Amino acid sequence: MNNKEAYNIKVVKFGGSSLASAEQFVKVANIIKADSARKFVVPSAPGKRFSGDTKVTDMLYECYNVSAAGGNIDEIFDKVCERYNLIISGLGIDFDLTDEYQHIKWAILHHAGRDYAASRGEYLNGMILAKYLGFDFIDPAPYIRFRDDGVFNAEITNSLLAEELKKHETGVIPGFYGSMPNGTIRTFSRGGSDITGSIVSRAVEADLYENWTDVNGFLMADPRIVDNPKGIEFITYRELRELSYMGAGVLHEDAIFPVRFAGIPINIRNTNDPSDPGTMIVSNTDVYDSESIITGIAGKKGFCVITIEKAMMNAEKGFGRKVLEAIEHENISFEHLPSGIDTMSVVLNRSEIAGCRERLVNRICNAVEPDAISIEEGLALVAVVGRGMVKAKGTAVRVFKAAAEAGINIRMIDQGSSELNIIIGVDESDFEKSMGAIYNEFVK
């Protein structure tokens, strides 16, 4: 469903590069005005205008750090104000933020907190965009709520925000932040404006959440590794989750869940190329490229494998649980569990076992008394993901064939029961070659 008339309400989020300058603001305004369904806008803080430039959020973090250390923030804070004043003058609007600047500076100097300082980037950008568009400005702090432990409170937020947004025909809601029960500002993690856009989409029961950035949607592979990878037209939430977990970027992973819960599709679009349809993220679809079968390939380096050997392991009740409890005691999450009858392998992020390697091995030995235990370093994981794989025979064979023909030794194989993905482990030195070989096998 690409026809814009099919949508009644769209929520549109624009990233920092989309709102880095007055020229970019004009592009954004043109996009919004081109479709009357684009009623609610979620802006990020101004990003980099050119290579070597500094994001406003980073300048605000520096203001906080300097102030917390007892230093003078005048110079860096003046640079923040200058960025916004350049946008205002470039847009030719009559808008004075002097009082806001003074209040924000005073608050930073009087220990309003790191999250407060960082959030003012979105706050000020939202005020300017609302003024330029003629939309209502809606500060999310009273409506996007966190619990006392800092965890986002989804249900209370949805109730409060839905009630507030009913009062507005159009609105600009700054991304990235909300508030704690005591009223102090709390931010999401970096990239949190994606989450705000998703939250707003759920609250207004949007037909579509458009996430505008500086790329034409998702690509089938990392362009830094594979030359000119094809774009992805449709992808399901489950596929996106698999690819995001393995390092594919573009959309903040936590932004998936509010809209997935509500069944709202996401459209990733490019502010600098608005004619491109981008990537549509949907709950379910039967559409797939029958020629390539796969949806995408992603991967990461930095893993290790603990291999535990013990005769008659399969007959020993609770063996796997004891191993995982030993890992849990070290506050480590496991990645994968490829196993045999008398062997069990646990794939871990290498950085997580730094400093506790010997202690972890001893815990496992005490728990299950293995015949042998070893840790292999230097593992990279490559995930081949695609909803079309369940309907195609020989997908795994093609993955292994591509690796073999490229002279790559596969150290680990793990396939999910849903047949949505196949994950292989290879030496880190073979990572880039593996990605290229598998991509070329499936995408002609």
Protein backbone atom coordinates (compact mmCIF):
# COMPACT_ATOMS: atom_id res chain seq x y z
CA MET A 1 0.00 0.00 0.00
CA ASN A 2 2.10 2.91 -1.29
CA ASN A 3 -0.70 5.28 -2.28
CA LYS A 4 -0.53 8.25 0.10
CA GLU A 5 -4.32 8.71 -0.02
CA ALA A 6 -4.66 5.33 1.70
CA TYR A 7 -3.33 6.79 4.95
CA ASN A 8 -5.24 9.07 7.30
CA ILE A 9 -2.50 9.68 9.87
CA LYS A 10 1.24 9.43 9.45
CA VAL A 11 3.83 10.10 12.11
CA VAL A 12 7.10 11.32 10.60
CA LYS A 13 10.44 11.27 12.38
CA PHE A 14 13.45 13.15 11.01
CA GLY A 15 17.00 12.35 12.06
CA GLY A 16 19.80 14.74 12.94
CA SER A 17 21.26 14.91 9.42
CA SER A 18 17.78 15.77 8.10
CA LEU A 19 17.60 18.79 10.41
CA ALA A 20 21.23 19.89 10.56
CA SER A 21 20.76 23.24 8.79
CA ALA A 22 18.18 25.67 7.45
CA GLU A 23 18.53 24.10 4.00
CA GLN A 24 17.64 20.71 5.46
CA PHE A 25 14.68 22.23 7.36
CA VAL A 26 13.29 23.44 4.04
CA LYS A 27 13.53 19.91 2.60
CA VAL A 28 11.76 18.53 5.66
CA ALA A 29 8.98 21.12 5.48
CA ASN A 30 8.42 20.35 1.80
CA ILE A 31 8.13 16.64 2.56
CA ILE A 32 5.62 17.26 5.36
CA LYS A 33 3.51 19.67 3.32
CA ALA A 34 3.43 17.29 0.35
CA ASP A 35 1.11 14.94 2.24
CA SER A 36 -1.70 16.13 4.54
CA ALA A 37 -1.61 12.79 6.36
CA ARG A 38 1.75 13.79 7.90
CA LYS A 39 0.23 15.29 11.00
CA PHE A 40 2.72 14.58 13.80
CA VAL A 41 6.46 15.21 13.52
CA VAL A 42 9.26 13.93 15.76
CA PRO A 43 12.57 15.79 15.28
CA SER A 44 16.08 14.91 16.39
CA ALA A 45 18.68 17.50 17.39
CA PRO A 46 20.79 19.04 14.60
CA GLY A 47 23.41 16.58 13.39
CA LYS A 48 26.58 17.13 11.39
CA ARG A 49 26.38 19.53 8.44
CA PHE A 50 29.67 18.28 6.98
CA SER A 51 32.53 15.95 7.82
CA GLY A 52 34.33 17.28 10.86
CA ASP A 53 31.28 19.13 12.17
CA THR A 54 29.98 18.47 15.70
CA LYS A 55 26.49 17.26 16.57
CA VAL A 56 24.55 19.58 18.87
CA THR A 57 23.91 16.70 21.28
CA ASP A 58 27.67 16.19 21.65
CA MET A 59 28.14 19.90 22.35
CA LEU A 60 25.45 19.74 25.04
CA TYR A 61 27.09 16.71 26.63
CA GLU A 62 30.32 18.71 26.69
CA CYS A 63 28.51 21.59 28.38
CA TYR A 64 27.34 19.22 31.08
CA ASN A 65 30.78 17.65 31.55
CA VAL A 66 32.56 21.00 31.77
CA SER A 67 29.96 22.37 34.20
CA ALA A 68 30.10 19.24 36.37
CA ALA A 69 33.88 19.67 36.58
CA GLY A 70 33.45 23.28 37.70
CA GLY A 71 34.55 24.82 34.39
CA ASN A 72 33.21 27.69 32.31
CA ILE A 73 30.69 26.66 29.63
CA ASP A 74 30.28 30.09 27.98
CA GLU A 75 32.26 29.30 24.83
CA ILE A 76 30.76 25.90 24.04
CA PHE A 77 27.22 26.98 24.98
CA ASP A 78 27.52 30.02 22.71
CA LYS A 79 28.32 27.61 19.85
CA VAL A 80 25.10 25.71 20.61
CA CYS A 81 23.08 28.93 20.46
CA GLU A 82 24.84 29.92 17.25
CA ARG A 83 23.75 26.68 15.54
CA TYR A 84 20.11 27.36 16.28
CA ASN A 85 20.33 31.07 15.44
CA LEU A 86 21.83 30.16 12.04
CA ILE A 87 18.87 27.86 11.36
CA ILE A 88 16.35 30.54 12.41
CA SER A 89 17.97 33.26 10.30
CA GLY A 90 18.35 30.87 7.35
CA LEU A 91 14.62 30.11 7.49
CA GLY A 92 13.77 33.82 7.66
CA ILE A 93 11.36 33.42 10.58
CA ASP A 94 10.78 35.88 13.41
CA PHE A 95 11.63 33.71 16.40
CA ASP A 96 13.71 34.61 19.46
CA LEU A 97 14.98 31.81 21.71
CA THR A 98 17.03 34.06 24.03
CA ASP A 99 14.91 33.29 27.09
CA GLU A 100 15.10 29.56 26.40
CA TYR A 101 18.89 29.73 26.03
CA GLN A 102 19.24 31.57 29.33
CA HIS A 103 17.01 29.11 31.17
CA ILE A 104 18.81 26.07 29.74
CA LYS A 105 22.25 27.47 30.59
CA TRP A 106 21.12 28.31 34.11
CA ALA A 107 19.70 24.79 34.56
CA ILE A 108 22.91 23.12 33.34
CA LEU A 109 25.00 25.27 35.71
CA HIS A 110 22.65 24.39 38.57
CA HIS A 111 22.97 20.62 38.12
CA ALA A 112 19.81 19.82 36.17
CA GLY A 113 21.57 16.67 35.02
CA ARG A 114 23.24 15.08 32.03
CA ASP A 115 19.98 13.85 30.50
CA TYR A 116 18.44 17.31 30.78
CA ALA A 117 21.40 18.91 29.00
CA ALA A 118 21.36 16.37 26.17
CA SER A 119 17.58 16.58 25.67
CA ARG A 120 17.63 20.31 24.98
CA GLY A 121 18.95 19.63 21.47
CA GLU A 122 15.67 18.02 20.43
CA TYR A 123 13.65 20.47 22.53
CA LEU A 124 15.01 23.59 20.77
CA ASN A 125 14.94 22.00 17.32
CA GLY A 126 11.32 21.02 17.93
CA MET A 127 10.38 24.58 18.85
CA ILE A 128 11.94 25.95 15.65
CA LEU A 129 10.34 23.30 13.44
CA ALA A 130 6.91 23.85 15.01
CA LYS A 131 7.21 27.60 14.42
CA TYR A 132 8.32 27.10 10.79
CA LEU A 133 5.54 24.61 10.01
CA GLY A 134 2.81 26.36 11.97
CA PHE A 135 2.25 23.17 14.00
CA ASP A 136 1.60 22.93 17.75
CA PHE A 137 4.69 22.35 19.90
CA ILE A 138 4.17 19.50 22.38
CA ASP A 139 6.83 18.95 25.03
CA PRO A 140 6.92 15.17 25.61
CA ALA A 141 8.21 15.41 29.19
CA PRO A 142 4.77 15.30 30.91
CA TYR A 143 3.56 12.41 28.76
CA ILE A 144 6.49 10.08 28.03
CA ARG A 145 7.16 8.50 31.40
CA PHE A 146 9.85 6.39 33.01
CA ARG A 147 9.63 4.40 36.23
CA ASP A 148 11.73 5.10 39.32
CA ASP A 149 14.26 2.51 38.13
CA GLY A 150 14.67 4.35 34.83
CA VAL A 151 12.75 1.81 32.73
CA PHE A 152 10.34 3.22 30.16
CA ASN A 153 6.70 2.94 31.28
CA ALA A 154 4.95 2.03 28.04
CA GLU A 155 1.34 1.74 29.19
CA ILE A 156 1.13 4.93 31.25
CA THR A 157 2.91 6.78 28.45
CA ASN A 158 0.47 5.52 25.84
CA SER A 159 -2.52 6.54 27.95
CA LEU A 160 -1.21 10.05 28.73
CA LEU A 161 0.14 10.76 25.27
CA ALA A 162 -2.95 9.49 23.45
CA GLU A 163 -5.15 11.76 25.55
CA GLU A 164 -2.93 14.79 24.88
CA LEU A 165 -2.53 14.24 21.14
CA LYS A 166 -6.31 14.10 20.68
CA LYS A 167 -6.27 17.83 21.44
CA HIS A 168 -4.06 18.65 18.42
CA GLU A 169 -4.70 18.49 14.68
CA THR A 170 -0.96 18.68 14.03
CA GLY A 171 2.04 18.73 16.31
CA VAL A 172 5.80 18.59 16.72
CA ILE A 173 6.95 16.32 19.56
CA PRO A 174 10.72 16.39 20.23
CA GLY A 175 12.37 12.98 20.29
CA PHE A 176 14.81 11.33 22.70
CA TYR A 177 13.38 12.20 26.12
CA GLY A 178 10.59 11.98 28.69
CA SER A 179 10.49 12.34 32.46
CA MET A 180 10.89 10.43 35.70
CA PRO A 181 8.12 10.31 38.36
CA ASN A 182 9.81 13.22 40.18
CA GLY A 183 9.71 15.34 37.03
CA THR A 184 13.39 15.19 36.12
CA ILE A 185 14.26 14.65 32.47
CA ARG A 186 15.21 11.15 31.35
CA THR A 187 16.57 10.29 27.89
CA PHE A 188 16.45 7.11 25.90
CA SER A 189 19.74 5.68 24.67
CA ARG A 190 21.47 7.24 21.65
CA GLY A 191 19.12 7.12 18.65
CA GLY A 192 16.16 7.48 21.00
CA SER A 193 14.21 9.76 18.67
CA ASP A 194 13.39 6.60 16.70
CA ILE A 195 11.74 5.29 19.86
CA THR A 196 9.78 8.50 20.40
CA GLY A 197 8.47 8.31 16.84
CA SER A 198 7.30 4.77 17.47
CA ILE A 199 5.66 5.76 20.77
CA VAL A 200 3.81 8.67 19.13
CA SER A 201 2.69 6.40 16.28
CA ARG A 202 1.13 3.99 18.73
CA ALA A 203 -0.50 6.77 20.77
CA VAL A 204 -2.26 8.35 17.76
CA GLU A 205 -3.03 4.95 16.19
CA ALA A 206 -1.18 6.02 13.06
CA ASP A 207 -1.60 4.19 9.78
CA LEU A 208 2.11 4.55 9.05
CA TYR A 209 5.31 5.60 10.82
CA GLU A 210 7.74 7.26 8.39
CA ASN A 211 11.32 7.37 9.62
CA TRP A 212 13.29 9.84 7.50
CA THR A 213 17.06 9.61 7.51
CA ASP A 214 19.96 10.01 5.07
CA VAL A 215 19.81 6.61 3.33
CA ASN A 216 17.29 4.97 0.99
CA GLY A 217 16.08 2.39 3.49
CA PHE A 218 17.75 -0.89 4.36
CA LEU A 219 20.32 -2.55 2.13
CA MET A 220 20.79 -6.30 1.75
CA ALA A 221 24.33 -6.04 3.12
CA ASP A 222 26.74 -3.54 4.64
CA PRO A 223 27.98 -1.31 1.77
CA ARG A 224 31.33 -0.98 3.55
CA ILE A 225 31.82 -4.71 2.96
CA VAL A 226 29.77 -5.51 -0.16
CA ASP A 227 29.91 -3.25 -3.21
CA ASN A 228 26.59 -1.61 -4.12
CA PRO A 229 24.23 -3.98 -2.31
CA LYS A 230 20.59 -4.00 -3.41
CA GLY A 231 17.95 -2.21 -1.40
CA ILE A 232 15.25 -4.06 0.55
CA GLU A 233 11.71 -3.14 -0.51
CA PHE A 234 9.79 -5.10 2.16
CA ILE A 235 11.02 -6.61 5.41
CA THR A 236 9.12 -8.10 8.35
CA TYR A 237 9.64 -7.11 11.97
CA ARG A 238 11.08 -10.57 12.68
CA GLU A 239 13.62 -10.28 9.88
CA LEU A 240 14.54 -6.78 11.00
CA ARG A 241 15.08 -8.03 14.53
CA GLU A 242 17.45 -10.73 13.26
CA LEU A 243 19.43 -8.33 11.08
CA SER A 244 19.54 -5.54 13.69
CA TYR A 245 20.82 -7.99 16.30
CA MET A 246 23.65 -8.90 13.94
CA GLY A 247 24.68 -5.31 13.44
CA ALA A 248 22.53 -3.92 10.61
CA GLY A 249 21.95 -0.23 11.32
CA VAL A 250 19.49 2.49 10.17
CA LEU A 251 16.78 2.03 12.84
CA HIS A 252 17.14 1.94 16.62
CA GLU A 253 16.28 -1.62 17.64
CA ASP A 254 14.00 -0.59 20.54
CA ALA A 255 11.91 1.51 18.13
CA ILE A 256 10.43 -1.64 16.65
CA PHE A 257 8.39 -2.77 19.63
CA PRO A 258 5.72 -0.05 20.20
CA VAL A 259 4.64 -0.11 16.54
CA ARG A 260 4.99 -3.87 16.22
CA PHE A 261 2.67 -4.22 19.21
CA ALA A 262 0.12 -1.98 17.47
CA GLY A 263 0.60 -3.50 14.00
CA ILE A 264 1.76 -0.21 12.48
CA PRO A 265 4.13 -0.45 9.48
CA ILE A 266 7.35 1.59 9.34
CA ASN A 267 8.65 3.21 6.17
CA ILE A 268 12.37 4.10 6.13
CA ARG A 269 12.86 7.04 3.74
CA ASN A 270 15.63 9.40 2.61
CA THR A 271 15.14 13.13 3.24
CA ASN A 272 17.60 13.91 0.45
CA ASP A 273 15.84 11.59 -2.03
CA PRO A 274 12.12 11.75 -1.18
CA SER A 275 11.05 10.15 -4.46
CA ASP A 276 12.65 6.84 -3.44
CA PRO A 277 10.06 4.55 -1.77
CA GLY A 278 12.61 3.27 0.76
CA THR A 279 12.02 0.16 2.83
CA MET A 280 8.64 -0.87 4.25
CA ILE A 281 8.74 -2.77 7.55
CA VAL A 282 5.57 -4.80 8.09
CA SER A 283 4.19 -7.44 10.44
CA ASN A 284 3.74 -10.05 7.73
CA THR A 285 4.04 -10.29 3.98
CA ASP A 286 4.18 -13.02 1.36
CA VAL A 287 6.16 -10.75 -0.94
CA TYR A 288 9.78 -11.76 -1.48
CA ASP A 289 12.32 -11.81 -4.28
CA SER A 290 12.05 -15.31 -5.71
CA GLU A 291 15.36 -14.86 -7.49
CA SER A 292 17.48 -14.09 -4.44
CA ILE A 293 15.33 -15.85 -1.75
CA ILE A 294 17.12 -14.05 1.09
CA THR A 295 16.16 -10.67 2.56
CA GLY A 296 19.56 -9.64 3.86
CA ILE A 297 22.94 -10.57 5.28
CA ALA A 298 24.53 -9.12 8.41
CA GLY A 299 27.33 -10.04 10.74
CA LYS A 300 29.67 -9.07 13.54
CA LYS A 301 33.12 -9.87 14.80
CA GLY A 302 34.20 -10.25 18.41
CA PHE A 303 32.83 -13.62 19.54
CA CYS A 304 34.33 -16.66 21.25
CA VAL A 305 33.12 -20.24 21.75
CA ILE A 306 33.24 -22.30 24.92
CA THR A 307 33.12 -26.00 23.97
CA ILE A 308 32.30 -28.51 26.70
CA GLU A 309 32.78 -32.24 26.11
CA LYS A 310 31.43 -35.03 28.29
CA ALA A 311 30.53 -38.65 27.52
CA MET A 312 26.79 -39.39 27.87
CA MET A 313 26.03 -35.70 28.25
CA ASN A 314 22.64 -36.18 26.63
CA ALA A 315 21.55 -38.54 29.43
CA GLU A 316 22.57 -36.20 32.24
CA LYS A 317 19.49 -34.26 33.34
CA GLY A 318 20.02 -30.55 33.93
CA PHE A 319 23.41 -30.45 32.21
CA GLY A 320 22.60 -27.47 29.97
CA ARG A 321 20.89 -25.61 32.79
CA LYS A 322 23.95 -25.94 35.02
CA VAL A 323 26.23 -24.60 32.30
CA LEU A 324 23.98 -21.62 31.67
CA GLU A 325 23.65 -20.94 35.40
CA ALA A 326 27.45 -20.81 35.66
CA ILE A 327 27.47 -18.24 32.85
CA GLU A 328 24.61 -16.32 34.48
CA HIS A 329 26.58 -16.10 37.75
CA GLU A 330 29.14 -14.01 35.86
CA ASN A 331 26.33 -11.76 34.54
CA ILE A 332 27.01 -12.84 30.95
CA SER A 333 24.44 -13.33 28.20
CA PHE A 334 24.96 -16.15 25.72
CA GLU A 335 24.52 -15.64 21.98
CA HIS A 336 24.00 -19.15 20.57
CA LEU A 337 24.00 -22.78 21.72
CA PRO A 338 25.06 -25.13 18.89
CA SER A 339 25.33 -28.62 20.45
CA GLY A 340 25.92 -32.31 19.73
CA ILE A 341 25.22 -35.49 21.70
CA ASP A 342 28.36 -35.34 23.83
CA THR A 343 29.34 -31.72 23.22
CA MET A 344 27.81 -28.39 24.09
CA SER A 345 29.07 -25.11 22.66
CA VAL A 346 28.19 -21.68 23.97
CA VAL A 347 28.89 -18.63 21.83
CA LEU A 348 29.64 -15.51 23.87
CA ASN A 349 30.61 -11.94 23.14
CA ARG A 350 34.37 -11.86 23.71
CA SER A 351 34.23 -8.54 25.57
CA GLU A 352 31.88 -10.04 28.17
CA ILE A 353 34.36 -12.64 29.40
CA ALA A 354 37.27 -10.22 29.67
CA GLY A 355 38.44 -10.32 33.27
CA CYS A 356 36.50 -13.43 34.26
CA ARG A 357 37.72 -16.07 31.82
CA GLU A 358 39.40 -18.39 34.35
CA ARG A 359 36.66 -17.92 36.92
CA LEU A 360 34.01 -18.78 34.33
CA VAL A 361 35.84 -21.97 33.27
CA ASN A 362 36.18 -23.01 36.91
CA ARG A 363 32.47 -22.40 37.53
CA ILE A 364 31.52 -24.60 34.57
CA CYS A 365 33.97 -27.33 35.64
CA ASN A 366 32.60 -27.35 39.19
CA ALA A 367 29.02 -27.42 37.91
CA VAL A 368 29.19 -30.26 35.34
CA GLU A 369 32.65 -31.91 35.65
CA PRO A 370 33.33 -32.08 31.89
CA ASP A 371 35.83 -34.41 30.25
CA ALA A 372 37.26 -31.40 28.42
CA ILE A 373 36.58 -27.69 28.07
CA SER A 374 38.12 -25.15 25.74
CA ILE A 375 37.66 -21.55 24.63
CA GLU A 376 38.25 -20.56 21.01
CA GLU A 377 38.74 -16.88 20.19
CA GLY A 378 38.50 -14.89 16.97
CA LEU A 379 35.02 -15.90 15.83
CA ALA A 380 32.82 -13.81 13.55
CA LEU A 381 29.13 -14.56 12.97
CA VAL A 382 27.34 -14.13 9.65
CA ALA A 383 23.54 -14.30 9.54
CA VAL A 384 21.62 -15.03 6.34
CA VAL A 385 18.02 -13.93 6.89
CA GLY A 386 14.91 -14.31 4.75
CA ARG A 387 11.25 -15.21 4.99
CA GLY A 388 11.56 -16.79 1.54
CA MET A 389 14.00 -19.41 2.82
CA VAL A 390 11.22 -21.57 4.25
CA LYS A 391 9.80 -22.02 0.73
CA ALA A 392 13.13 -22.65 -0.98
CA LYS A 393 15.06 -25.91 -0.98
CA GLY A 394 18.82 -25.98 -0.68
CA THR A 395 19.38 -22.56 0.91
CA ALA A 396 21.79 -23.93 3.52
CA VAL A 397 23.66 -25.87 0.83
CA ARG A 398 24.14 -22.67 -1.15
CA VAL A 399 25.51 -20.88 1.93
CA PHE A 400 28.03 -23.67 2.59
CA LYS A 401 28.91 -23.91 -1.09
CA ALA A 402 29.63 -20.20 -1.33
CA ALA A 403 31.89 -20.39 1.73
CA ALA A 404 33.68 -23.49 0.47
CA GLU A 405 34.32 -22.04 -2.98
CA ALA A 406 35.81 -18.94 -1.34
CA GLY A 407 38.15 -21.15 0.70
CA ILE A 408 36.44 -20.35 3.99
CA ASN A 409 36.28 -22.83 6.86
CA ILE A 410 32.94 -22.79 8.69
CA ARG A 411 33.56 -23.21 12.42
CA MET A 412 29.94 -23.18 13.58
CA ILE A 413 26.46 -23.64 12.12
CA ASP A 414 23.21 -22.60 13.81
CA GLN A 415 19.79 -22.56 12.13
CA GLY A 416 16.62 -21.35 13.85
CA SER A 417 13.64 -23.71 13.93
CA SER A 418 11.54 -21.13 12.07
CA GLU A 419 13.92 -21.39 9.07
CA LEU A 420 14.07 -17.61 9.04
CA ASN A 421 17.84 -17.48 9.40
CA ILE A 422 21.05 -19.45 9.08
CA ILE A 423 24.02 -18.32 11.15
CA ILE A 424 27.56 -19.48 10.47
CA GLY A 425 30.70 -18.84 12.48
CA VAL A 426 33.96 -18.15 10.65
CA ASP A 427 37.41 -16.87 11.53
CA GLU A 428 37.42 -13.10 11.92
CA SER A 429 40.02 -12.92 9.15
CA ASP A 430 37.45 -14.50 6.79
CA PHE A 431 34.54 -12.27 7.81
CA GLU A 432 34.49 -9.79 4.92
CA LYS A 433 35.22 -12.51 2.37
CA SER A 434 32.33 -14.60 3.77
CA MET A 435 29.88 -11.72 3.51
CA GLY A 436 30.86 -11.05 -0.09
CA ALA A 437 30.80 -14.71 -1.16
CA ILE A 438 27.36 -15.40 0.31
CA TYR A 439 25.88 -12.18 -1.07
CA ASN A 440 27.17 -12.97 -4.55
CA GLU A 441 25.76 -16.51 -4.34
CA PHE A 442 22.21 -15.25 -3.77
CA VAL A 443 22.14 -11.84 -5.45
CA LYS A 444 23.01 -11.84 -9.13
